[in-house]
Structure formats: C-alpha cells, structure tokens
Amino acid sequence: MLKTLLEMRGYQLRAVDRDLGSVDDFYFDDRLWKIRYLVVDTGNWLPGRNVLIAQEALERSDGEDEVFPVKLTSAEIEDSPGIESDLPFSLQKEKELRLFFKWREYWDEDVFIQPAGFTPMSVPGGEATELSLKDGMKSSAKLNGNPHLRSANEIQGYYIRALDGEIGHVDDFIVEDTTWAIRYLVVDTHNWLPGKKVLISYKWVNSIDWNKQTVEVAMTRETIEGSPEYDPNKPINREYEVRMYDFYGKPHDWE
C-alpha cells in the first residue's frame, strides 16, 4: 500500500508495553531511496533524546489508528546506545545501535544499481553501475559517518529544477508501507500559477544538489505542468499510474 510521509509523521510509536512518543522524521538512503530509520520524539519519557527505530523493527500496521507497533520493550529502547540525531551521525554509533537490537548491517547485504546519469552527491554522471553498500560504507568510515542517510524533513522544500528552470518544490514522499521504498516525490507547482501537485518517480531524478537544495530532472517545466494532477485526498491506483507514466513516456515499472 502506498502512503505519504506527511500523513505518517506524528504517528505514535508503540512498544510492547507502552507508547513511546511520536514520529518526527524519516531518514532514507539517498542511493536506494529507501527509508532506514524513523526518528521518534520521546517527549518527557526520555527528555532531550530522540530515538532511532530501524524500519525492520516495525510490525505491520493498517494505519487507521495512526500507530507504529514495534517488537521492542520500552526498557530495551531506554537501554539502547544513544545516537545523535544530526546527520551524518557516527558510523560506529550506528553499528552499535544495530548490534544492540540485532538489526542486520544493511551495508553488507544490499546491492543497488544507480540509473545512468543519476548523481546523488551531485558529481558527474556515468553509466549504470552495480555496487555494494558495503563498499560505500568503507569510504564513509573515513568520514566517521554515513553521508548517504538523508532527512526527509530537510528535503521537503527543495526546489525542482527542470531543464529550463525551477518549477515548484518537493512537498512530500510516497512510500510502499511494506518495503519502505520511496516510490514518488510529490511536487507542488503552486509557485508557478495556477499550480497543482504532481508526482515524479525517484527514477526520473537526475541528481540532487545538497548545497543548492535542488532536485534536478530531465524534463521541461511545461511537461511537469501538464502532467496528471495528483490529489492527496485520493489513493493512487494503477489507472492513475498508467496515465502518468504514459504522459511522461516512461516504461511501466510493474511490467
């Protein structure tokens, strides 16, 4: 099922024995476009400390009660290694956290293929390359942190740069609630009247410039303006996706 991060921000985190606080942010991997952690504001329970919960610790929720159940006790979370919430946080601390909860070290197992031309760190693009995250984490260790973890809160508001100029900004993200993979960026074009909200697949993003806070796509402003409107009050169905992909002239990912 597809859900937006905006609608899930504020959900309660529920341990086996009590409610722990509310979700304040989501950290995602900028190479796989996958949510890695929920950032939980624990309020008065653990004052001054945010808690990171890996997505694999979550139990399935239908979302109707706006709660994320986790397979952990409040004591386990309280005793877990503290980790700073500013990014990039220490790679050693991330390893300690995952070891404590027995969460797998994802950089040892995942394999990703970068689309040709996609440059998450705004460096010159190239051919599609298959890499292991473990290799990437080796270089990250030199920086004493994982620079590929990004805050969804931060990127909401980044401007969309088309081939002929800026048009709108990132308003939200749409994710699969089972895999926690980001499927679409919601773009709000109201900066350019009359404006509307449209969707762009993460696969159509050419690069993200973290310094200039822009997301670059190989489309014109006219193309984005003319794409099928996205209504956040309606669920995304296959009919809408077909219409959107056909408009952009993109192959259907599900076929």
Foldseek 3Di string as FASTA:
>chain_A
DKDWVVLLFQQWEAEPPGTFATFHWFKAFLQQQFTFWTWGDRPPPDPPAIFTDGLVQWDDDPCPNSYTYGHHDPVLRVPAQGWDPDPFTFPVSVVSRCVSVVNDPQLVDDKGWQPFLADAAPDGGGHIDIDGSVVVVVVVVVVRGRRRIDIQVLLQAQWEAEPVGTFFGFHIWMADSPRRHTFWTWGWRVVDPPTAIDIDGPNQWNYAHPVNSYTYGHHDPVLRVPADGDDNVDDDDPVNVVRRCVSVVHDDPVD
